[in-house]
PDB file of N, CA and C in Angstrom:
ATOM      1  N   MET A   1      42.455  -1.715 -25.013  1.00  0.00           N
ATOM      2  CA  MET A   1      43.264  -2.159 -24.232  1.00  0.00           C
ATOM      3  C   MET A   1      42.738  -3.341 -23.342  1.00  0.00           C
ATOM      4  N   PRO A   2      43.749  -4.368 -22.987  1.00  0.00           N
ATOM      5  CA  PRO A   2      43.041  -5.510 -22.061  1.00  0.00           C
ATOM      6  C   PRO A   2      42.919  -5.569 -20.828  1.00  0.00           C
ATOM      7  N   ILE A   3      41.807  -6.031 -20.125  1.00  0.00           N
ATOM      8  CA  ILE A   3      41.625  -5.735 -18.704  1.00  0.00           C
ATOM      9  C   ILE A   3      41.268  -7.764 -18.308  1.00  0.00           C
ATOM     10  N   THR A   4      41.591  -7.424 -16.699  1.00  0.00           N
ATOM     11  CA  THR A   4      41.004  -8.674 -16.168  1.00  0.00           C
ATOM     12  C   THR A   4      39.787  -8.049 -15.672  1.00  0.00           C
ATOM     13  N   CYS A   5      38.777  -8.345 -15.469  1.00  0.00           N
ATOM     14  CA  CYS A   5      37.427  -7.581 -14.819  1.00  0.00           C
ATOM     15  C   CYS A   5      37.749  -7.834 -13.619  1.00  0.00           C
ATOM     16  N   SER A   6      37.879  -7.062 -12.223  1.00  0.00           N
ATOM     17  CA  SER A   6      37.962  -7.473 -11.020  1.00  0.00           C
ATOM     18  C   SER A   6      36.271  -8.215 -10.720  1.00  0.00           C
ATOM     19  N   ARG A   7      35.310  -8.101 -11.333  1.00  0.00           N
ATOM     20  CA  ARG A   7      34.443  -8.716 -10.826  1.00  0.00           C
ATOM     21  C   ARG A   7      34.157 -10.019 -11.263  1.00  0.00           C
ATOM     22  N   CYS A   8      33.802 -10.382 -12.345  1.00  0.00           N
ATOM     23  CA  CYS A   8      34.346 -11.800 -13.288  1.00  0.00           C
ATOM     24  C   CYS A   8      35.443 -12.282 -13.559  1.00  0.00           C
ATOM     25  N   GLY A   9      36.237 -11.657 -13.302  1.00  0.00           N
ATOM     26  CA  GLY A   9      37.543 -12.130 -13.343  1.00  0.00           C
ATOM     27  C   GLY A   9      37.927 -13.017 -14.627  1.00  0.00           C
ATOM     28  N   ARG A  10      37.354 -12.742 -16.091  1.00  0.00           N
ATOM     29  CA  ARG A  10      37.704 -12.737 -17.388  1.00  0.00           C
ATOM     30  C   ARG A  10      38.371 -11.424 -17.953  1.00  0.00           C
ATOM     31  N   ALA A  11      39.081 -12.221 -19.035  1.00  0.00           N
ATOM     32  CA  ALA A  11      40.096 -11.095 -19.552  1.00  0.00           C
ATOM     33  C   ALA A  11      38.834 -10.915 -20.514  1.00  0.00           C
ATOM     34  N   GLY A  12      38.920  -9.711 -20.900  1.00  0.00           N
ATOM     35  CA  GLY A  12      38.939  -9.025 -22.284  1.00  0.00           C
ATOM     36  C   GLY A  12      39.717  -7.236 -22.549  1.00  0.00           C
ATOM     37  N   GLU A  13      38.204  -6.689 -23.493  1.00  0.00           N
ATOM     38  CA  GLU A  13      38.702  -5.782 -23.480  1.00  0.00           C
ATOM     39  C   GLU A  13      38.139  -4.603 -22.655  1.00  0.00           C
ATOM     40  N   ALA A  14      38.655  -3.282 -22.217  1.00  0.00           N
ATOM     41  CA  ALA A  14      38.215  -2.733 -21.384  1.00  0.00           C
ATOM     42  C   ALA A  14      37.188  -2.070 -21.980  1.00  0.00           C
ATOM     43  N   MET A  15      36.339  -0.801 -21.749  1.00  0.00           N
ATOM     44  CA  MET A  15      35.443  -0.090 -22.083  1.00  0.00           C
ATOM     45  C   MET A  15      36.281   1.048 -22.797  1.00  0.00           C
ATOM     46  N   ALA A  16      35.890   1.610 -23.883  1.00  0.00           N
ATOM     47  CA  ALA A  16      35.877   2.412 -24.823  1.00  0.00           C
ATOM     48  C   ALA A  16      36.378   4.082 -24.271  1.00  0.00           C
ATOM     49  N   GLN A  17      35.607   4.402 -23.226  1.00  0.00           N
ATOM     50  CA  GLN A  17      35.414   5.578 -22.430  1.00  0.00           C
ATOM     51  C   GLN A  17      35.344   5.140 -21.117  1.00  0.00           C
ATOM     52  N   PRO A  18      35.817   6.176 -20.165  1.00  0.00           N
ATOM     53  CA  PRO A  18      35.531   5.950 -18.589  1.00  0.00           C
ATOM     54  C   PRO A  18      33.800   5.828 -18.747  1.00  0.00           C
ATOM     55  N   PRO A  19      33.217   5.212 -17.661  1.00  0.00           N
ATOM     56  CA  PRO A  19      31.442   5.459 -17.466  1.00  0.00           C
ATOM     57  C   PRO A  19      31.266   6.869 -16.658  1.00  0.00           C
ATOM     58  N   MET A  20      32.563   7.619 -16.188  1.00  0.00           N
ATOM     59  CA  MET A  20      32.160   9.205 -15.177  1.00  0.00           C
ATOM     60  C   MET A  20      33.472   9.981 -15.514  1.00  0.00           C
ATOM     61  N   PRO A  21      33.372  10.963 -15.699  1.00  0.00           N
ATOM     62  CA  PRO A  21      34.732  12.087 -16.038  1.00  0.00           C
ATOM     63  C   PRO A  21      35.147  12.258 -14.539  1.00  0.00           C
ATOM     64  N   THR A  22      35.887  11.278 -13.627  1.00  0.00           N
ATOM     65  CA  THR A  22      36.493  11.100 -12.716  1.00  0.00           C
ATOM     66  C   THR A  22      37.374  10.342 -12.463  1.00  0.00           C
ATOM     67  N   ALA A  23      37.992  10.410 -11.158  1.00  0.00           N
ATOM     68  CA  ALA A  23      38.949   9.421 -10.909  1.00  0.00           C
ATOM     69  C   ALA A  23      38.592   8.231 -10.587  1.00  0.00           C
ATOM     70  N   LEU A  24      37.208   7.963 -10.330  1.00  0.00           N
ATOM     71  CA  LEU A  24      36.852   6.656 -10.191  1.00  0.00           C
ATOM     72  C   LEU A  24      36.351   6.131 -11.391  1.00  0.00           C
ATOM     73  N   GLY A  25      35.574   6.884 -12.412  1.00  0.00           N
ATOM     74  CA  GLY A  25      35.607   6.988 -13.661  1.00  0.00           C
ATOM     75  C   GLY A  25      36.524   6.082 -14.597  1.00  0.00           C
ATOM     76  N   ALA A  26      37.918   6.214 -14.303  1.00  0.00           N
ATOM     77  CA  ALA A  26      39.434   5.705 -15.200  1.00  0.00           C
ATOM     78  C   ALA A  26      39.768   4.315 -14.414  1.00  0.00           C
ATOM     79  N   GLN A  27      39.103   4.338 -13.059  1.00  0.00           N
ATOM     80  CA  GLN A  27      39.496   3.665 -12.188  1.00  0.00           C
ATOM     81  C   GLN A  27      38.714   2.142 -12.561  1.00  0.00           C
ATOM     82  N   ILE A  28      37.294   2.343 -12.749  1.00  0.00           N
ATOM     83  CA  ILE A  28      36.370   1.331 -13.504  1.00  0.00           C
ATOM     84  C   ILE A  28      36.942   0.674 -14.667  1.00  0.00           C
ATOM     85  N   GLN A  29      37.168   2.131 -15.507  1.00  0.00           N
ATOM     86  CA  GLN A  29      37.696   1.561 -16.792  1.00  0.00           C
ATOM     87  C   GLN A  29      38.372   0.730 -16.644  1.00  0.00           C
ATOM     88  N   GLN A  30      39.423   0.650 -15.974  1.00  0.00           N
ATOM     89  CA  GLN A  30      40.764  -0.103 -16.691  1.00  0.00           C
ATOM     90  C   GLN A  30      40.849  -1.491 -15.560  1.00  0.00           C
ATOM     91  N   ASN A  31      39.402  -1.580 -14.793  1.00  0.00           N
ATOM     92  CA  ASN A  31      39.311  -3.047 -13.932  1.00  0.00           C
ATOM     93  C   ASN A  31      38.036  -3.205 -14.232  1.00  0.00           C
ATOM     94  N   VAL A  32      37.042  -3.000 -14.938  1.00  0.00           N
ATOM     95  CA  VAL A  32      35.427  -3.346 -14.735  1.00  0.00           C
ATOM     96  C   VAL A  32      35.221  -3.681 -16.653  1.00  0.00           C
ATOM     97  N   CYS A  33      34.532  -5.028 -17.026  1.00  0.00           N
ATOM     98  CA  CYS A  33      34.624  -5.104 -18.320  1.00  0.00           C
ATOM     99  C   CYS A  33      33.038  -4.379 -18.622  1.00  0.00           C
ATOM    100  N   PRO A  34      32.607  -4.389 -19.512  1.00  0.00           N
ATOM    101  CA  PRO A  34      31.369  -3.255 -20.257  1.00  0.00           C
ATOM    102  C   PRO A  34      30.445  -4.455 -19.893  1.00  0.00           C
ATOM    103  N   ALA A  35      30.278  -5.472 -19.954  1.00  0.00           N
ATOM    104  CA  ALA A  35      29.213  -6.531 -19.552  1.00  0.00           C
ATOM    105  C   ALA A  35      28.788  -6.272 -17.643  1.00  0.00           C
ATOM    106  N   CYS A  36      29.870  -6.552 -17.064  1.00  0.00           N
ATOM    107  CA  CYS A  36      29.732  -6.121 -15.470  1.00  0.00           C
ATOM    108  C   CYS A  36      29.467  -4.358 -15.308  1.00  0.00           C
ATOM    109  N   TRP A  37      29.443  -3.677 -16.026  1.00  0.00           N
ATOM    110  CA  TRP A  37      29.080  -2.180 -15.802  1.00  0.00           C
ATOM    111  C   TRP A  37      27.679  -2.350 -16.004  1.00  0.00           C
ATOM    112  N   GLN A  38      27.612  -2.530 -17.289  1.00  0.00           N
ATOM    113  CA  GLN A  38      26.353  -2.712 -17.891  1.00  0.00           C
ATOM    114  C   GLN A  38      24.772  -3.566 -16.599  1.00  0.00           C
ATOM    115  N   GLU A  39      25.646  -4.478 -16.156  1.00  0.00           N
ATOM    116  CA  GLU A  39      24.714  -5.122 -15.005  1.00  0.00           C
ATOM    117  C   GLU A  39      24.591  -4.405 -13.637  1.00  0.00           C
ATOM    118  N   TRP A  40      25.896  -3.662 -13.426  1.00  0.00           N
ATOM    119  CA  TRP A  40      25.680  -2.765 -12.360  1.00  0.00           C
ATOM    120  C   TRP A  40      24.699  -1.803 -12.811  1.00  0.00           C
ATOM    121  N   LEU A  41      24.458  -0.878 -13.879  1.00  0.00           N
ATOM    122  CA  LEU A  41      23.725  -0.142 -14.214  1.00  0.00           C
ATOM    123  C   LEU A  41      22.113  -0.401 -13.607  1.00  0.00           C
ATOM    124  N   ARG A  42      21.961  -1.858 -14.273  1.00  0.00           N
ATOM    125  CA  ARG A  42      20.660  -2.321 -13.943  1.00  0.00           C
ATOM    126  C   ARG A  42      20.680  -2.579 -12.670  1.00  0.00           C
ATOM    127  N   THR A  43      21.538  -2.661 -11.687  1.00  0.00           N
ATOM    128  CA  THR A  43      21.336  -3.040 -10.255  1.00  0.00           C
ATOM    129  C   THR A  43      21.219  -1.884  -9.344  1.00  0.00           C
ATOM    130  N   GLN A  44      21.975  -0.637 -10.049  1.00  0.00           N
ATOM    131  CA  GLN A  44      22.126   0.669  -9.242  1.00  0.00           C
ATOM    132  C   GLN A  44      20.351   1.275  -9.472  1.00  0.00           C
ATOM    133  N   VAL A  45      19.830   1.057 -10.586  1.00  0.00           N
ATOM    134  CA  VAL A  45      18.271   1.205 -10.515  1.00  0.00           C
ATOM    135  C   VAL A  45      17.279   0.687  -9.530  1.00  0.00           C
ATOM    136  N   MET A  46      17.702  -0.512  -9.278  1.00  0.00           N
ATOM    137  CA  MET A  46      16.998  -1.333  -8.156  1.00  0.00           C
ATOM    138  C   MET A  46      17.199  -1.042  -6.728  1.00  0.00           C
ATOM    139  N   LEU A  47      18.443  -0.425  -6.699  1.00  0.00           N
ATOM    140  CA  LEU A  47      19.081   0.003  -5.459  1.00  0.00           C
ATOM    141  C   LEU A  47      17.961   1.152  -5.097  1.00  0.00           C
ATOM    142  N   ILE A  48      18.698   2.382  -5.800  1.00  0.00           N
ATOM    143  CA  ILE A  48      18.098   3.733  -5.510  1.00  0.00           C
ATOM    144  C   ILE A  48      16.531   3.506  -5.746  1.00  0.00           C
ATOM    145  N   ASN A  49      15.628   2.352  -5.887  1.00  0.00           N
ATOM    146  CA  ASN A  49      14.019   2.254  -6.129  1.00  0.00           C
ATOM    147  C   ASN A  49      13.890   1.732  -4.597  1.00  0.00           C
ATOM    148  N   GLU A  50      14.680   0.553  -4.290  1.00  0.00           N
ATOM    149  CA  GLU A  50      14.692  -0.117  -3.077  1.00  0.00           C
ATOM    150  C   GLU A  50      14.633   0.942  -1.683  1.00  0.00           C
ATOM    151  N   TYR A  51      15.954   1.349  -1.560  1.00  0.00           N
ATOM    152  CA  TYR A  51      16.254   2.120  -0.943  1.00  0.00           C
ATOM    153  C   TYR A  51      15.509   3.742  -0.733  1.00  0.00           C
ATOM    154  N   ARG A  52      15.198   3.807  -1.890  1.00  0.00           N
ATOM    155  CA  ARG A  52      14.447   5.172  -1.827  1.00  0.00           C
ATOM    156  C   ARG A  52      15.569   5.932  -2.155  1.00  0.00           C
ATOM    157  N   LEU A  53      17.018   6.270  -2.454  1.00  0.00           N
ATOM    158  CA  LEU A  53      17.940   6.926  -2.326  1.00  0.00           C
ATOM    159  C   LEU A  53      17.552   8.426  -3.447  1.00  0.00           C
ATOM    160  N   ASN A  54      17.745   9.362  -2.891  1.00  0.00           N
ATOM    161  CA  ASN A  54      17.479  10.828  -3.353  1.00  0.00           C
ATOM    162  C   ASN A  54      19.151  11.190  -3.549  1.00  0.00           C
ATOM    163  N   LEU A  55      19.244  11.072  -4.542  1.00  0.00           N
ATOM    164  CA  LEU A  55      20.473  11.666  -5.379  1.00  0.00           C
ATOM    165  C   LEU A  55      21.339  12.841  -4.928  1.00  0.00           C
ATOM    166  N   VAL A  56      20.626  13.582  -4.848  1.00  0.00           N
ATOM    167  CA  VAL A  56      20.806  15.105  -4.349  1.00  0.00           C
ATOM    168  C   VAL A  56      21.651  14.950  -3.257  1.00  0.00           C
ATOM    169  N   ASP A  57      21.245  14.144  -2.179  1.00  0.00           N
ATOM    170  CA  ASP A  57      21.557  13.907  -0.961  1.00  0.00           C
ATOM    171  C   ASP A  57      23.136  13.637  -1.083  1.00  0.00           C
ATOM    172  N   PRO A  58      23.933  14.283  -0.714  1.00  0.00           N
ATOM    173  CA  PRO A  58      25.573  13.365  -0.829  1.00  0.00           C
ATOM    174  C   PRO A  58      25.405  11.910   0.276  1.00  0.00           C
ATOM    175  N   GLU A  59      24.927  11.828   1.251  1.00  0.00           N
ATOM    176  CA  GLU A  59      25.063  10.456   1.892  1.00  0.00           C
ATOM    177  C   GLU A  59      24.389   9.346   0.969  1.00  0.00           C
ATOM    178  N   ALA A  60      23.519  10.009   0.443  1.00  0.00           N
ATOM    179  CA  ALA A  60      22.792   8.960  -0.436  1.00  0.00           C
ATOM    180  C   ALA A  60      23.677   8.546  -1.536  1.00  0.00           C
ATOM    181  N   ARG A  61      24.261   9.366  -2.522  1.00  0.00           N
ATOM    182  CA  ARG A  61      25.751   9.038  -3.213  1.00  0.00           C
ATOM    183  C   ARG A  61      26.621   8.234  -2.814  1.00  0.00           C
ATOM    184  N   LYS A  62      27.028   8.652  -1.546  1.00  0.00           N
ATOM    185  CA  LYS A  62      28.057   7.896  -1.171  1.00  0.00           C
ATOM    186  C   LYS A  62      27.795   6.499  -0.644  1.00  0.00           C
ATOM    187  N   THR A  63      26.527   6.190  -0.367  1.00  0.00           N
ATOM    188  CA  THR A  63      26.068   5.258  -0.016  1.00  0.00           C
ATOM    189  C   THR A  63      25.903   4.201  -1.293  1.00  0.00           C
ATOM    190  N   LEU A  64      25.365   4.958  -2.475  1.00  0.00           N
ATOM    191  CA  LEU A  64      25.625   4.222  -3.887  1.00  0.00           C
ATOM    192  C   LEU A  64      26.751   4.298  -4.004  1.00  0.00           C
ATOM    193  N   GLU A  65      28.117   4.832  -4.407  1.00  0.00           N
ATOM    194  CA  GLU A  65      29.297   4.478  -4.418  1.00  0.00           C
ATOM    195  C   GLU A  65      29.892   3.348  -3.771  1.00  0.00           C
ATOM    196  N   GLY A  66      29.441   3.574  -2.275  1.00  0.00           N
ATOM    197  CA  GLY A  66      29.600   2.054  -1.566  1.00  0.00           C
ATOM    198  C   GLY A  66      29.349   0.723  -2.312  1.00  0.00           C
ATOM    199  N   GLN A  67      27.866   0.563  -2.763  1.00  0.00           N
ATOM    200  CA  GLN A  67      27.270  -0.106  -3.480  1.00  0.00           C
ATOM    201  C   GLN A  67      28.268  -0.775  -4.412  1.00  0.00           C
ATOM    202  N   MET A  68      28.532   0.332  -5.307  1.00  0.00           N
ATOM    203  CA  MET A  68      28.882   0.492  -6.348  1.00  0.00           C
ATOM    204  C   MET A  68      30.118  -0.431  -6.167  1.00  0.00           C
ATOM    205  N   ARG A  69      31.036   0.072  -5.037  1.00  0.00           N
ATOM    206  CA  ARG A  69      32.744  -0.450  -5.306  1.00  0.00           C
ATOM    207  C   ARG A  69      32.421  -1.951  -4.895  1.00  0.00           C
ATOM    208  N   ALA A  70      32.050  -2.165  -3.777  1.00  0.00           N
ATOM    209  CA  ALA A  70      31.451  -3.601  -3.391  1.00  0.00           C
ATOM    210  C   ALA A  70      31.009  -4.452  -4.769  1.00  0.00           C
ATOM    211  N   PHE A  71      29.612  -3.908  -5.479  1.00  0.00           N
ATOM    212  CA  PHE A  71      29.304  -5.114  -6.021  1.00  0.00           C
ATOM    213  C   PHE A  71      30.482  -5.259  -8.042  1.00  0.00           C
ATOM    214  N   LEU A  72      31.395  -4.415  -8.095  1.00  0.00           N
ATOM    215  CA  LEU A  72      32.364  -4.352  -8.713  1.00  0.00           C
ATOM    216  C   LEU A  72      33.901  -4.772  -8.676  1.00  0.00           C
ATOM    217  N   ASN A  73      33.543  -4.829  -7.063  1.00  0.00           N
ATOM    218  CA  ASN A  73      35.081  -5.398  -6.468  1.00  0.00           C
ATOM    219  C   ASN A  73      36.364  -4.221  -6.987  1.00  0.00           C
ATOM    220  N   VAL A  74      35.532  -3.042  -6.814  1.00  0.00           N
ATOM    221  CA  VAL A  74      36.593  -2.143  -6.886  1.00  0.00           C
ATOM    222  C   VAL A  74      37.059  -0.991  -5.602  1.00  0.00           C
ATOM    223  N   PRO A  75      38.378  -1.681  -5.033  1.00  0.00           N
ATOM    224  CA  PRO A  75      38.443  -0.820  -3.639  1.00  0.00           C
ATOM    225  C   PRO A  75      38.515   0.726  -3.586  1.00  0.00           C
ATOM    226  N   ALA A  76      38.360   1.229  -2.484  1.00  0.00           N
ATOM    227  CA  ALA A  76      38.216   2.652  -2.226  1.00  0.00           C
ATOM    228  C   ALA A  76      39.856   3.119  -2.548  1.00  0.00           C
ATOM    229  N   ASN A  77      39.339   4.367  -2.810  1.00  0.00           N
ATOM    230  CA  ASN A  77      41.342   4.779  -2.757  1.00  0.00           C
ATOM    231  C   ASN A  77      41.500   5.146  -1.342  1.00  0.00           C
ATOM    232  N   ARG A  78      42.929   4.894  -0.938  1.00  0.00           N
ATOM    233  CA  ARG A  78      43.766   5.000   0.366  1.00  0.00           C
ATOM    234  C   ARG A  78      43.380   6.761   0.274  1.00  0.00           C
ATOM    235  N   PRO A  79      43.536   7.041   1.558  1.00  0.00           N
ATOM    236  CA  PRO A  79      43.965   8.375   1.719  1.00  0.00           C
ATOM    237  C   PRO A  79      45.250   8.551   1.929  1.00  0.00           C
ATOM    238  N   ARG A  80      45.729   9.778   1.131  1.00  0.00           N
ATOM    239  CA  ARG A  80      47.094   9.801   1.190  1.00  0.00           C
ATOM    240  C   ARG A  80      47.595  10.617   2.226  1.00  0.00           C
TER     241      ARG A  80
END
C-alpha cells in the first residue's frame, strides 16, 4: 500500500505490519515510512536513556508517546 510519509514527505510503501498492535500502531503504519520508523526506534532509545524514563510508569509512557508523535508528525487522536 503506497503512503506519503508524515515525517519525511516521501512517497513509498507502508510497513508490512503495524509496529504495535494498537490503533496508534495502525495510524503509524498508514502514515510513516519504514525508514523513519527505524530512525524513531534509535531516537527512542536515546530519549529513554537521556530522561531516564521508567516505562513501567504510565506518565513516562505518555511522555514517550508525545515525543514519538512529535518526531513522526502523527497527530494525537481527538476525543469524541
